[in-house]
């Protein structure tokens, strides 16, 4: 019983320390929650941006897929023609 009597004067200090620790833990959790919410909002915004980009790409591919393919082929033909002309001009200069 004598040991318990020694703890009685320390009780207010222990309770005060516990209260401080509890408030500190509560503030830490609030800060972590706020940071997580901000990060979630950033991810959500980025996800929406990526979804918009995918929609645009899908629209380009489906609406103009054939047109894009024909444009690419036309560019290839132009390059081939330019290369042939360059070769012909260089052969004539020799």
C-alpha atoms as a PDB file:
ATOM      1  CA  UNK A   1       0.000   0.000   0.000  1.00  0.00           C
ATOM      2  CA  UNK A   2       2.936   2.286   0.585  1.00  0.00           C
ATOM      3  CA  UNK A   3       3.912   2.108  -3.091  1.00  0.00           C
ATOM      4  CA  UNK A   4       0.440   3.160  -4.170  1.00  0.00           C
ATOM      5  CA  UNK A   5       0.634   6.160  -1.863  1.00  0.00           C
ATOM      6  CA  UNK A   6       3.748   7.313  -3.765  1.00  0.00           C
ATOM      7  CA  UNK A   7       1.883   7.241  -7.097  1.00  0.00           C
ATOM      8  CA  UNK A   8      -0.968   9.456  -5.892  1.00  0.00           C
ATOM      9  CA  UNK A   9       1.035  12.718  -6.095  1.00  0.00           C
ATOM     10  CA  UNK A  10       2.227  11.727  -9.606  1.00  0.00           C
ATOM     11  CA  UNK A  11      -1.313  11.077 -10.914  1.00  0.00           C
ATOM     12  CA  UNK A  12      -1.966  14.661 -12.149  1.00  0.00           C
ATOM     13  CA  UNK A  13       1.321  14.648 -14.058  1.00  0.00           C
ATOM     14  CA  UNK A  14       0.604  11.256 -15.584  1.00  0.00           C
ATOM     15  CA  UNK A  15      -2.915  12.286 -16.569  1.00  0.00           C
ATOM     16  CA  UNK A  16      -1.647  15.582 -17.998  1.00  0.00           C
ATOM     17  CA  UNK A  17       1.027  13.767 -20.018  1.00  0.00           C
ATOM     18  CA  UNK A  18      -1.556  11.291 -21.273  1.00  0.00           C
ATOM     19  CA  UNK A  19      -3.867  14.153 -22.292  1.00  0.00           C
ATOM     20  CA  UNK A  20      -1.024  15.878 -24.183  1.00  0.00           C
ATOM     21  CA  UNK A  21      -0.089  12.640 -25.923  1.00  0.00           C
ATOM     22  CA  UNK A  22      -3.736  12.014 -26.873  1.00  0.00           C
ATOM     23  CA  UNK A  23      -4.118  15.531 -28.358  1.00  0.00           C
ATOM     24  CA  UNK A  24      -0.871  15.093 -30.269  1.00  0.00           C
ATOM     25  CA  UNK A  25      -2.035  11.774 -31.709  1.00  0.00           C
ATOM     26  CA  UNK A  26      -5.361  13.345 -32.687  1.00  0.00           C
ATOM     27  CA  UNK A  27      -3.595  16.203 -34.528  1.00  0.00           C
ATOM     28  CA  UNK A  28      -1.304  13.721 -36.301  1.00  0.00           C
ATOM     29  CA  UNK A  29      -4.312  11.729 -37.500  1.00  0.00           C
ATOM     30  CA  UNK A  30      -6.029  14.920 -38.727  1.00  0.00           C
ATOM     31  CA  UNK A  31      -2.916  15.931 -40.672  1.00  0.00           C
ATOM     32  CA  UNK A  32      -2.577  12.458 -42.183  1.00  0.00           C
ATOM     33  CA  UNK A  33      -6.253  12.453 -43.155  1.00  0.00           C
ATOM     34  CA  UNK A  34      -5.931  15.879 -44.785  1.00  0.00           C
ATOM     35  CA  UNK A  35      -2.800  14.812 -46.694  1.00  0.00           C
ATOM     36  CA  UNK A  36      -4.512  11.622 -47.871  1.00  0.00           C
ATOM     37  CA  UNK A  37      -7.565  13.589 -49.020  1.00  0.00           C
ATOM     38  CA  UNK A  38      -5.387  16.022 -50.979  1.00  0.00           C
ATOM     39  CA  UNK A  39      -3.468  13.176 -52.588  1.00  0.00           C
ATOM     40  CA  UNK A  40      -6.716  11.441 -53.458  1.00  0.00           C
ATOM     41  CA  UNK A  41      -8.010  14.611 -55.108  1.00  0.00           C
ATOM     42  CA  UNK A  42      -4.806  14.891 -57.145  1.00  0.00           C
ATOM     43  CA  UNK A  43      -5.069  11.253 -58.258  1.00  0.00           C
ATOM     44  CA  UNK A  44      -8.716  11.748 -59.141  1.00  0.00           C
ATOM     45  CA  UNK A  45      -7.927  14.833 -61.201  1.00  0.00           C
ATOM     46  CA  UNK A  46      -5.073  13.075 -62.984  1.00  0.00           C
ATOM     47  CA  UNK A  47      -7.276  10.054 -63.627  1.00  0.00           C
ATOM     48  CA  UNK A  48      -9.969  12.272 -65.156  1.00  0.00           C
ATOM     49  CA  UNK A  49      -7.348  13.942 -67.379  1.00  0.00           C
ATOM     50  CA  UNK A  50      -6.123  10.552 -68.574  1.00  0.00           C
ATOM     51  CA  UNK A  51      -9.680   9.377 -69.238  1.00  0.00           C
ATOM     52  CA  UNK A  52     -10.304  12.495 -71.328  1.00  0.00           C
ATOM     53  CA  UNK A  53      -7.142  11.859 -73.325  1.00  0.00           C
ATOM     54  CA  UNK A  54      -8.131   8.244 -73.950  1.00  0.00           C
ATOM     55  CA  UNK A  55     -11.580   9.382 -75.126  1.00  0.00           C
ATOM     56  CA  UNK A  56      -9.966  11.795 -77.582  1.00  0.00           C
ATOM     57  CA  UNK A  57      -7.632   9.088 -78.873  1.00  0.00           C
ATOM     58  CA  UNK A  58     -10.516   6.648 -79.225  1.00  0.00           C
ATOM     59  CA  UNK A  59     -12.487   9.255 -81.151  1.00  0.00           C
ATOM     60  CA  UNK A  60      -9.540   9.938 -83.447  1.00  0.00           C
ATOM     61  CA  UNK A  61      -8.978   6.261 -84.094  1.00  0.00           C
ATOM     62  CA  UNK A  62     -12.611   5.336 -84.660  1.00  0.00           C
ATOM     63  CA  UNK A  63     -13.745   8.452 -86.518  1.00  0.00           C
ATOM     64  CA  UNK A  64     -10.695   9.055 -88.628  1.00  0.00           C
ATOM     65  CA  UNK A  65      -8.936   5.723 -88.441  1.00  0.00           C
ATOM     66  CA  UNK A  66      -9.209   5.095 -92.157  1.00  0.00           C
ATOM     67  CA  UNK A  67      -8.330   8.689 -92.990  1.00  0.00           C
ATOM     68  CA  UNK A  68      -5.232   8.587 -90.765  1.00  0.00           C
ATOM     69  CA  UNK A  69      -4.107   5.338 -92.363  1.00  0.00           C
ATOM     70  CA  UNK A  70      -4.482   6.787 -95.843  1.00  0.00           C
ATOM     71  CA  UNK A  71      -2.585   9.943 -94.795  1.00  0.00           C
ATOM     72  CA  UNK A  72       0.264   7.820 -93.439  1.00  0.00           C
ATOM     73  CA  UNK A  73       0.421   5.880 -96.700  1.00  0.00           C
ATOM     74  CA  UNK A  74       0.404   9.137 -98.660  1.00  0.00           C
ATOM     75  CA  UNK A  75       3.346  10.378 -96.607  1.00  0.00           C
ATOM     76  CA  UNK A  76       5.201   7.135 -97.270  1.00  0.00           C
ATOM     77  CA  UNK A  77       4.577   7.497-100.986  1.00  0.00           C
ATOM     78  CA  UNK A  78       5.791  11.105-100.878  1.00  0.00           C
ATOM     79  CA  UNK A  79       8.975  10.033 -99.134  1.00  0.00           C
ATOM     80  CA  UNK A  80       9.557   7.266-101.671  1.00  0.00           C
ATOM     81  CA  UNK A  81       9.022   9.702-104.524  1.00  0.00           C
ATOM     82  CA  UNK A  82      11.366  12.253-102.940  1.00  0.00           C
ATOM     83  CA  UNK A  83      14.015   9.577-102.422  1.00  0.00           C
ATOM     84  CA  UNK A  84      13.732   8.427-106.040  1.00  0.00           C
ATOM     85  CA  UNK A  85      14.028  11.997-107.297  1.00  0.00           C
ATOM     86  CA  UNK A  86      17.063  12.626-105.084  1.00  0.00           C
ATOM     87  CA  UNK A  87      18.713   9.446-106.390  1.00  0.00           C
ATOM     88  CA  UNK A  88      17.928  10.387-109.988  1.00  0.00           C
ATOM     89  CA  UNK A  89      19.295  13.921-109.552  1.00  0.00           C
ATOM     90  CA  UNK A  90      22.461  12.632-107.893  1.00  0.00           C
ATOM     91  CA  UNK A  91      22.968  10.074-110.653  1.00  0.00           C
ATOM     92  CA  UNK A  92      22.599  12.802-113.289  1.00  0.00           C
ATOM     93  CA  UNK A  93      25.195  15.012-111.600  1.00  0.00           C
ATOM     94  CA  UNK A  94      27.886  12.343-111.898  1.00  0.00           C
END
